[in-house]
């Protein structure tokens, strides 16, 4: 699934993000709402707690890349919860664009094509896991 090099890229990039986590989270949500202003309505007005949750979840996933199967249940549960909040499949694409944009802006030239591809692959795996888990939850929520 993921190569050792891809895992190293993502983990080393994340180590650089951690000291600027609050700024990175702000950049992320600013970009997300710029890409799709309608997504703002899915969140409480104060994003402070949400920003912390985002950074913790990304950190948890990044630190578990050597053993992805370990985090699958948590990622699936997250996908199911997001479905109940009104998140739909298309939103995952927007989140991916916002994430990569945030990393590019926060990490600068160090975030080259190889790093972007590694992050895209990791995000794709996590987003697909969440989406697949969300489908049954979304069906129940809409029936």
C-alpha atoms as a PDB file:
ATOM      1  CA  UNK A   1       0.000   0.000   0.000  1.00  0.00           C
ATOM      2  CA  UNK A   2       2.420   2.664   1.199  1.00  0.00           C
ATOM      3  CA  UNK A   3       6.139   2.526   0.598  1.00  0.00           C
ATOM      4  CA  UNK A   4       8.659   3.188   3.346  1.00  0.00           C
ATOM      5  CA  UNK A   5       9.676   6.357   1.511  1.00  0.00           C
ATOM      6  CA  UNK A   6       6.076   7.632   1.366  1.00  0.00           C
ATOM      7  CA  UNK A   7       5.640   6.982   5.077  1.00  0.00           C
ATOM      8  CA  UNK A   8       8.923   8.769   5.815  1.00  0.00           C
ATOM      9  CA  UNK A   9       7.872  11.793   3.730  1.00  0.00           C
ATOM     10  CA  UNK A  10       4.521  12.099   5.484  1.00  0.00           C
ATOM     11  CA  UNK A  11       5.917  11.557   8.971  1.00  0.00           C
ATOM     12  CA  UNK A  12       8.810  13.986   8.491  1.00  0.00           C
ATOM     13  CA  UNK A  13       6.443  16.605   7.061  1.00  0.00           C
ATOM     14  CA  UNK A  14       4.064  16.143   9.985  1.00  0.00           C
ATOM     15  CA  UNK A  15       6.916  16.638  12.456  1.00  0.00           C
ATOM     16  CA  UNK A  16       7.377  20.089  10.892  1.00  0.00           C
ATOM     17  CA  UNK A  17       3.649  20.855  11.133  1.00  0.00           C
ATOM     18  CA  UNK A  18       3.257  19.941  14.812  1.00  0.00           C
ATOM     19  CA  UNK A  19       5.017  23.099  16.123  1.00  0.00           C
ATOM     20  CA  UNK A  20       2.692  25.242  13.983  1.00  0.00           C
ATOM     21  CA  UNK A  21      -0.426  23.121  14.483  1.00  0.00           C
ATOM     22  CA  UNK A  22      -2.732  25.995  15.413  1.00  0.00           C
ATOM     23  CA  UNK A  23      -1.667  28.031  12.389  1.00  0.00           C
ATOM     24  CA  UNK A  24      -1.919  24.974  10.140  1.00  0.00           C
ATOM     25  CA  UNK A  25      -5.434  24.217  11.362  1.00  0.00           C
ATOM     26  CA  UNK A  26      -6.477  27.823  10.716  1.00  0.00           C
ATOM     27  CA  UNK A  27      -4.977  27.689   7.226  1.00  0.00           C
ATOM     28  CA  UNK A  28      -6.815  24.431   6.588  1.00  0.00           C
ATOM     29  CA  UNK A  29     -10.252  25.659   7.628  1.00  0.00           C
ATOM     30  CA  UNK A  30      -9.780  29.010   5.864  1.00  0.00           C
ATOM     31  CA  UNK A  31      -8.929  27.162   2.647  1.00  0.00           C
ATOM     32  CA  UNK A  32     -11.737  24.619   3.123  1.00  0.00           C
ATOM     33  CA  UNK A  33     -14.380  27.349   3.487  1.00  0.00           C
ATOM     34  CA  UNK A  34     -12.863  29.294   0.606  1.00  0.00           C
ATOM     35  CA  UNK A  35     -13.207  26.208  -1.610  1.00  0.00           C
ATOM     36  CA  UNK A  36     -16.768  25.474  -0.463  1.00  0.00           C
ATOM     37  CA  UNK A  37     -18.412  28.150   1.712  1.00  0.00           C
ATOM     38  CA  UNK A  38     -21.431  25.871   2.287  1.00  0.00           C
ATOM     39  CA  UNK A  39     -19.249  23.587   4.412  1.00  0.00           C
ATOM     40  CA  UNK A  40     -19.069  26.296   7.090  1.00  0.00           C
ATOM     41  CA  UNK A  41     -22.608  25.411   8.178  1.00  0.00           C
ATOM     42  CA  UNK A  42     -21.461  21.914   9.205  1.00  0.00           C
ATOM     43  CA  UNK A  43     -19.342  23.379  12.019  1.00  0.00           C
ATOM     44  CA  UNK A  44     -19.953  25.294  15.238  1.00  0.00           C
ATOM     45  CA  UNK A  45     -19.123  28.975  15.012  1.00  0.00           C
ATOM     46  CA  UNK A  46     -16.070  28.552  17.251  1.00  0.00           C
ATOM     47  CA  UNK A  47     -13.622  26.203  15.569  1.00  0.00           C
ATOM     48  CA  UNK A  48     -11.095  26.063  18.427  1.00  0.00           C
ATOM     49  CA  UNK A  49     -12.057  22.580  19.582  1.00  0.00           C
ATOM     50  CA  UNK A  50     -12.453  21.319  16.012  1.00  0.00           C
ATOM     51  CA  UNK A  51      -8.957  22.496  15.106  1.00  0.00           C
ATOM     52  CA  UNK A  52      -7.501  20.529  18.016  1.00  0.00           C
ATOM     53  CA  UNK A  53      -9.468  17.414  17.019  1.00  0.00           C
ATOM     54  CA  UNK A  54      -8.284  17.731  13.419  1.00  0.00           C
ATOM     55  CA  UNK A  55      -4.634  17.980  14.385  1.00  0.00           C
ATOM     56  CA  UNK A  56      -4.908  15.086  16.847  1.00  0.00           C
ATOM     57  CA  UNK A  57      -6.608  12.818  14.305  1.00  0.00           C
ATOM     58  CA  UNK A  58      -4.088  13.611  11.576  1.00  0.00           C
ATOM     59  CA  UNK A  59      -1.254  13.058  14.057  1.00  0.00           C
ATOM     60  CA  UNK A  60      -2.729   9.746  15.133  1.00  0.00           C
ATOM     61  CA  UNK A  61      -3.063   8.599  11.523  1.00  0.00           C
ATOM     62  CA  UNK A  62       0.409   9.792  10.521  1.00  0.00           C
ATOM     63  CA  UNK A  63       2.028   8.106  13.499  1.00  0.00           C
ATOM     64  CA  UNK A  64       0.204   4.851  12.669  1.00  0.00           C
ATOM     65  CA  UNK A  65       1.172   4.637   8.992  1.00  0.00           C
ATOM     66  CA  UNK A  66       3.516   1.729   9.663  1.00  0.00           C
ATOM     67  CA  UNK A  67       0.493  -0.300  10.746  1.00  0.00           C
ATOM     68  CA  UNK A  68      -2.582   1.110   9.009  1.00  0.00           C
ATOM     69  CA  UNK A  69      -4.783  -1.818   9.992  1.00  0.00           C
ATOM     70  CA  UNK A  70      -4.430  -0.642  13.605  1.00  0.00           C
ATOM     71  CA  UNK A  71      -6.317   2.597  12.895  1.00  0.00           C
ATOM     72  CA  UNK A  72      -8.982   1.302  10.483  1.00  0.00           C
ATOM     73  CA  UNK A  73     -11.675   0.953  13.191  1.00  0.00           C
ATOM     74  CA  UNK A  74     -11.092   4.544  14.394  1.00  0.00           C
ATOM     75  CA  UNK A  75     -11.129   5.897  10.834  1.00  0.00           C
ATOM     76  CA  UNK A  76     -14.310   3.957  10.048  1.00  0.00           C
ATOM     77  CA  UNK A  77     -15.981   5.309  13.179  1.00  0.00           C
ATOM     78  CA  UNK A  78     -14.954   8.812  12.156  1.00  0.00           C
ATOM     79  CA  UNK A  79     -16.504   8.296   8.728  1.00  0.00           C
ATOM     80  CA  UNK A  80     -19.764   7.101  10.281  1.00  0.00           C
ATOM     81  CA  UNK A  81     -19.866  10.125  12.610  1.00  0.00           C
ATOM     82  CA  UNK A  82     -19.187  12.506   9.744  1.00  0.00           C
ATOM     83  CA  UNK A  83     -22.109  11.035   7.791  1.00  0.00           C
ATOM     84  CA  UNK A  84     -24.442  11.919  10.653  1.00  0.00           C
ATOM     85  CA  UNK A  85     -23.150  15.522  10.520  1.00  0.00           C
ATOM     86  CA  UNK A  86     -24.149  15.821   6.864  1.00  0.00           C
ATOM     87  CA  UNK A  87     -20.802  15.097   5.222  1.00  0.00           C
ATOM     88  CA  UNK A  88     -21.246  13.616   1.757  1.00  0.00           C
ATOM     89  CA  UNK A  89     -18.796  11.890  -0.551  1.00  0.00           C
ATOM     90  CA  UNK A  90     -17.940  15.032  -2.546  1.00  0.00           C
ATOM     91  CA  UNK A  91     -16.787  16.815   0.598  1.00  0.00           C
ATOM     92  CA  UNK A  92     -13.844  14.438   0.897  1.00  0.00           C
ATOM     93  CA  UNK A  93     -12.393  15.774  -2.358  1.00  0.00           C
ATOM     94  CA  UNK A  94     -12.629  19.338  -1.089  1.00  0.00           C
ATOM     95  CA  UNK A  95     -11.006  18.375   2.208  1.00  0.00           C
ATOM     96  CA  UNK A  96      -8.156  16.695   0.310  1.00  0.00           C
ATOM     97  CA  UNK A  97      -7.527  19.824  -1.755  1.00  0.00           C
ATOM     98  CA  UNK A  98      -7.597  21.976   1.399  1.00  0.00           C
ATOM     99  CA  UNK A  99      -5.195  19.627   3.187  1.00  0.00           C
ATOM    100  CA  UNK A 100      -2.646  19.557   0.371  1.00  0.00           C
ATOM    101  CA  UNK A 101      -2.934  23.316  -0.066  1.00  0.00           C
ATOM    102  CA  UNK A 102      -2.323  23.838   3.652  1.00  0.00           C
ATOM    103  CA  UNK A 103       0.739  21.602   3.638  1.00  0.00           C
ATOM    104  CA  UNK A 104       2.134  23.317   0.557  1.00  0.00           C
ATOM    105  CA  UNK A 105       1.649  26.737   2.123  1.00  0.00           C
ATOM    106  CA  UNK A 106       2.938  25.717   5.557  1.00  0.00           C
ATOM    107  CA  UNK A 107       5.954  23.689   4.427  1.00  0.00           C
ATOM    108  CA  UNK A 108       6.987  25.739   1.420  1.00  0.00           C
ATOM    109  CA  UNK A 109       9.509  24.375  -1.094  1.00  0.00           C
ATOM    110  CA  UNK A 110      10.171  21.274   1.042  1.00  0.00           C
ATOM    111  CA  UNK A 111       6.689  20.107   0.070  1.00  0.00           C
ATOM    112  CA  UNK A 112       7.683  18.998  -3.409  1.00  0.00           C
ATOM    113  CA  UNK A 113       5.855  16.705  -5.860  1.00  0.00           C
ATOM    114  CA  UNK A 114       7.025  13.524  -4.133  1.00  0.00           C
ATOM    115  CA  UNK A 115       5.778  14.731  -0.752  1.00  0.00           C
ATOM    116  CA  UNK A 116       2.494  15.910  -2.236  1.00  0.00           C
ATOM    117  CA  UNK A 117       1.997  12.533  -3.928  1.00  0.00           C
ATOM    118  CA  UNK A 118       2.710  10.689  -0.662  1.00  0.00           C
ATOM    119  CA  UNK A 119       0.209  12.839   1.240  1.00  0.00           C
ATOM    120  CA  UNK A 120      -2.327  12.420  -1.549  1.00  0.00           C
ATOM    121  CA  UNK A 121      -1.976   8.664  -1.320  1.00  0.00           C
ATOM    122  CA  UNK A 122      -2.309   8.653   2.480  1.00  0.00           C
ATOM    123  CA  UNK A 123      -5.304  10.969   2.372  1.00  0.00           C
ATOM    124  CA  UNK A 124      -6.896   8.846  -0.353  1.00  0.00           C
ATOM    125  CA  UNK A 125      -6.603   5.705   1.769  1.00  0.00           C
ATOM    126  CA  UNK A 126      -8.067   7.401   4.831  1.00  0.00           C
ATOM    127  CA  UNK A 127     -10.828   9.188   2.906  1.00  0.00           C
ATOM    128  CA  UNK A 128     -11.852   5.984   1.104  1.00  0.00           C
ATOM    129  CA  UNK A 129     -11.996   4.156   4.434  1.00  0.00           C
ATOM    130  CA  UNK A 130     -14.170   6.893   5.923  1.00  0.00           C
ATOM    131  CA  UNK A 131     -16.419   7.102   2.848  1.00  0.00           C
ATOM    132  CA  UNK A 132     -16.953   3.354   2.711  1.00  0.00           C
ATOM    133  CA  UNK A 133     -17.856   3.234   6.396  1.00  0.00           C
ATOM    134  CA  UNK A 134     -20.145   6.251   6.031  1.00  0.00           C
ATOM    135  CA  UNK A 135     -22.358   4.817   3.306  1.00  0.00           C
ATOM    136  CA  UNK A 136     -24.434   2.560   5.612  1.00  0.00           C
ATOM    137  CA  UNK A 137     -24.619   5.322   8.237  1.00  0.00           C
ATOM    138  CA  UNK A 138     -25.737   7.852   5.620  1.00  0.00           C
ATOM    139  CA  UNK A 139     -28.419   5.465   4.357  1.00  0.00           C
ATOM    140  CA  UNK A 140     -29.817   5.085   7.880  1.00  0.00           C
ATOM    141  CA  UNK A 141     -29.681   8.842   8.499  1.00  0.00           C
ATOM    142  CA  UNK A 142     -31.633   9.630   5.315  1.00  0.00           C
ATOM    143  CA  UNK A 143     -34.305   6.951   5.705  1.00  0.00           C
END
